[in-house]
Amino acid sequence: MRRLYTAGNLPEAYLLLHMLESEGIVAHVFNENAQGGVGELPFTHTYPELWVEDYDFDRARRVVTQFELPQGPLESFQCAHCGEQNPETFDLCWNCGASRP
């Protein structure tokens, strides 16, 4: 096995783990419970790590590269009822509750 990625926190590690699994890549998260050792261990040794089999490393590296790409700004839509701007992911206006056009 080979270390693929060192995450800043467990949610990030598991998000990437699930992305890898969706591509059919078996991965494991190590250091899940190491945060309790901070102070006795250097904090950099307690970060969650993702490990994969050697034969999947190149494919997994491509998934990580895609994961690390900066995300562009979300599009927005203007509410037809009150004129407020809403994120693309909303189905209702956050201001007045009107349905998205």
Protein backbone atom coordinates (compact mmCIF):
# COMPACT_ATOMS: atom_id res chain seq x y z
CA MET A 1 0.00 0.00 0.00
CA ARG A 2 0.99 3.58 -0.58
CA ARG A 3 0.01 6.85 1.07
CA LEU A 4 -1.99 8.87 -1.43
CA TYR A 5 -3.15 11.92 0.49
CA THR A 6 -2.91 13.62 3.87
CA ALA A 7 -6.17 15.35 4.75
CA GLY A 8 -6.62 18.35 7.00
CA ASN A 9 -9.52 16.72 8.86
CA LEU A 10 -11.71 13.60 8.91
CA PRO A 11 -14.60 15.01 6.83
CA GLU A 12 -12.17 15.87 4.03
CA ALA A 13 -10.61 12.40 4.25
CA TYR A 14 -13.99 10.68 4.04
CA LEU A 15 -15.21 12.89 1.21
CA LEU A 16 -12.19 11.89 -0.83
CA LEU A 17 -12.52 8.25 0.28
CA HIS A 18 -16.08 8.14 -1.10
CA MET A 19 -14.97 9.79 -4.34
CA LEU A 20 -12.30 7.10 -4.74
CA GLU A 21 -14.76 4.32 -3.94
CA SER A 22 -17.20 5.68 -6.53
CA GLU A 23 -14.42 5.18 -9.10
CA GLY A 24 -13.94 1.58 -7.96
CA ILE A 25 -10.72 2.30 -6.06
CA VAL A 26 -10.29 0.62 -2.69
CA ALA A 27 -8.86 3.08 -0.17
CA HIS A 28 -8.34 3.17 3.58
CA VAL A 29 -8.28 6.05 6.06
CA PHE A 30 -5.53 5.82 8.67
CA ASN A 31 -5.02 7.99 11.77
CA GLU A 32 -8.78 8.35 12.32
CA ASN A 33 -8.39 8.51 16.09
CA ALA A 34 -4.95 10.07 16.30
CA GLN A 35 -6.21 13.56 17.19
CA GLY A 36 -6.31 12.45 20.83
CA GLY A 37 -2.54 12.13 20.73
CA VAL A 38 -1.88 15.79 19.93
CA GLY A 39 0.54 17.07 22.51
CA GLU A 40 2.21 13.69 22.90
CA LEU A 41 2.67 13.38 19.14
CA PRO A 42 3.52 16.13 16.66
CA PHE A 43 0.25 17.44 15.21
CA THR A 44 1.43 16.71 11.67
CA HIS A 45 1.56 13.00 12.57
CA THR A 46 -2.10 12.98 13.55
CA TYR A 47 -3.64 14.10 10.25
CA PRO A 48 -5.90 11.53 8.56
CA GLU A 49 -4.21 9.78 5.64
CA LEU A 50 -5.66 7.98 2.64
CA TRP A 51 -3.82 4.90 1.46
CA VAL A 52 -4.41 2.85 -1.69
CA GLU A 53 -2.95 -0.25 -3.27
CA ASP A 54 0.10 0.36 -5.46
CA TYR A 55 -1.69 -0.79 -8.62
CA ASP A 56 -4.44 1.84 -8.13
CA PHE A 57 -2.14 4.72 -7.19
CA ASP A 58 -2.03 6.47 -10.59
CA ARG A 59 -5.79 6.26 -11.04
CA ALA A 60 -6.35 7.46 -7.48
CA ARG A 61 -3.91 10.34 -8.00
CA ARG A 62 -6.08 11.58 -10.89
CA VAL A 63 -9.14 11.61 -8.58
CA VAL A 64 -7.18 13.62 -5.99
CA THR A 65 -6.02 16.06 -8.65
CA GLN A 66 -9.65 16.62 -9.68
CA PHE A 67 -10.64 16.99 -6.00
CA GLU A 68 -8.00 19.67 -5.45
CA LEU A 69 -9.02 21.84 -8.41
CA PRO A 70 -10.50 25.14 -7.30
CA GLN A 71 -14.25 25.27 -7.64
CA GLY A 72 -15.67 28.15 -9.60
CA PRO A 73 -18.31 30.43 -8.18
CA LEU A 74 -21.84 29.07 -8.12
CA GLU A 75 -24.29 30.58 -10.55
CA SER A 76 -27.24 32.38 -9.07
CA PHE A 77 -30.79 33.17 -10.09
CA GLN A 78 -32.94 36.18 -9.37
CA CYS A 79 -36.26 35.59 -7.60
CA ALA A 80 -39.19 36.57 -9.81
CA HIS A 81 -41.24 37.55 -6.74
CA CYS A 82 -38.88 39.74 -4.67
CA GLY A 83 -35.84 40.20 -6.96
CA GLU A 84 -33.33 38.71 -4.45
CA GLN A 85 -30.30 36.80 -5.76
CA ASN A 86 -30.22 33.11 -4.75
CA PRO A 87 -27.53 30.44 -5.15
CA GLU A 88 -28.00 27.97 -8.00
CA THR A 89 -28.48 25.12 -5.51
CA PHE A 90 -31.61 26.68 -3.92
CA ASP A 91 -35.07 25.60 -5.05
CA LEU A 92 -36.81 28.33 -3.02
CA CYS A 93 -35.91 31.96 -2.55
CA TRP A 94 -34.09 32.38 0.75
CA ASN A 95 -35.71 35.78 1.25
CA CYS A 96 -39.41 35.23 0.49
CA GLY A 97 -39.76 31.46 0.01
CA ALA A 98 -41.09 31.71 -3.56
CA SER A 99 -40.40 28.76 -5.86
CA ARG A 100 -37.59 28.99 -8.34
CA PRO A 101 -38.74 29.96 -11.84
